[in-house]
Amino acid sequence: MALSYKARRRWALVILLIGLPLYIVLAVNLVDLFERPPVWLEFLIYVALGVVWILPFRFIFLGVGQADPDADDDDTPR
């Protein structure tokens, strides 16, 4: 079942406002479990974790910044 455009926009907002801060805290705590790694390794870990979080939600964010495809042309603001 595909999500509607409005549902995808709402879920994208929830993910960005609630999920992303929780994921950041989780990522920092995960890196903190190890002894202080070299700066370049720590940077690579954060970059990898920064890319990995979006992969499961990729389909939700596709097209969210575009105009609503289901909206009538008469309803567009001018």
Protein backbone atom coordinates (compact mmCIF):
# COMPACT_ATOMS: atom_id res chain seq x y z
CA MET A 1 0.00 0.00 0.00
CA ALA A 2 1.52 3.28 -1.11
CA LEU A 3 1.37 6.31 1.15
CA SER A 4 -0.39 9.42 -0.08
CA TYR A 5 1.55 12.60 -0.64
CA LYS A 6 0.18 14.20 2.55
CA ALA A 7 0.97 11.10 4.61
CA ARG A 8 4.54 11.04 3.29
CA ARG A 9 4.93 14.73 4.18
CA ARG A 10 3.67 14.10 7.71
CA TRP A 11 5.90 11.06 8.22
CA ALA A 12 8.90 12.98 6.84
CA LEU A 13 8.24 15.73 9.39
CA VAL A 14 7.95 13.22 12.25
CA ILE A 15 11.14 11.48 11.18
CA LEU A 16 13.08 14.75 10.95
CA LEU A 17 11.79 16.31 14.18
CA ILE A 18 11.69 13.25 16.44
CA GLY A 19 13.56 10.39 14.81
CA LEU A 20 16.67 12.22 13.66
CA PRO A 21 17.53 13.77 17.06
CA LEU A 22 17.06 10.37 18.69
CA TYR A 23 19.30 8.79 16.06
CA ILE A 24 21.97 11.45 16.64
CA VAL A 25 21.98 10.71 20.39
CA LEU A 26 22.20 6.99 19.61
CA ALA A 27 25.10 7.51 17.18
CA VAL A 28 27.06 9.66 19.64
CA ASN A 29 26.52 7.13 22.42
CA LEU A 30 27.60 4.32 20.09
CA VAL A 31 30.87 6.05 19.22
CA ASP A 32 31.37 6.91 22.90
CA LEU A 33 31.37 3.20 23.79
CA PHE A 34 34.78 2.84 22.16
CA GLU A 35 37.93 4.44 23.46
CA ARG A 36 38.68 7.67 21.67
CA PRO A 37 39.36 6.58 18.06
CA PRO A 38 41.59 8.61 15.75
CA VAL A 39 39.87 11.70 14.38
CA TRP A 40 39.75 10.36 10.81
CA LEU A 41 38.12 7.10 11.96
CA GLU A 42 35.60 8.95 14.10
CA PHE A 43 34.78 11.15 11.11
CA LEU A 44 34.26 8.10 8.88
CA ILE A 45 31.98 6.50 11.48
CA TYR A 46 29.83 9.63 11.72
CA VAL A 47 29.67 9.97 7.92
CA ALA A 48 28.64 6.31 7.55
CA LEU A 49 26.01 6.62 10.27
CA GLY A 50 24.79 9.85 8.69
CA VAL A 51 24.15 8.05 5.41
CA VAL A 52 22.76 4.82 6.87
CA TRP A 53 19.88 6.45 8.78
CA ILE A 54 18.14 7.62 5.62
CA LEU A 55 18.21 4.34 3.69
CA PRO A 56 15.11 2.78 5.29
CA PHE A 57 13.16 6.04 4.85
CA ARG A 58 14.24 6.79 1.30
CA PHE A 59 10.78 6.14 -0.19
CA ILE A 60 9.14 8.53 2.29
CA PHE A 61 11.35 11.48 1.35
CA LEU A 62 11.14 11.01 -2.44
CA GLY A 63 9.15 13.85 -3.98
CA VAL A 64 8.17 15.50 -0.69
CA GLY A 65 9.66 18.83 -1.78
CA GLN A 66 7.67 18.80 -5.01
CA ALA A 67 4.17 20.15 -5.52
CA ASP A 68 1.31 17.81 -4.59
CA PRO A 69 0.72 15.63 -7.66
CA ASP A 70 -2.89 14.97 -6.62
CA ALA A 71 -3.81 18.65 -6.20
CA ASP A 72 -5.96 20.39 -8.79
CA ASP A 73 -4.25 23.08 -10.82
CA ASP A 74 -6.89 25.58 -9.69
CA ASP A 75 -5.91 25.15 -6.02
CA THR A 76 -2.31 26.28 -6.45
CA PRO A 77 -1.46 29.51 -4.61
CA ARG A 78 -0.44 32.46 -6.73
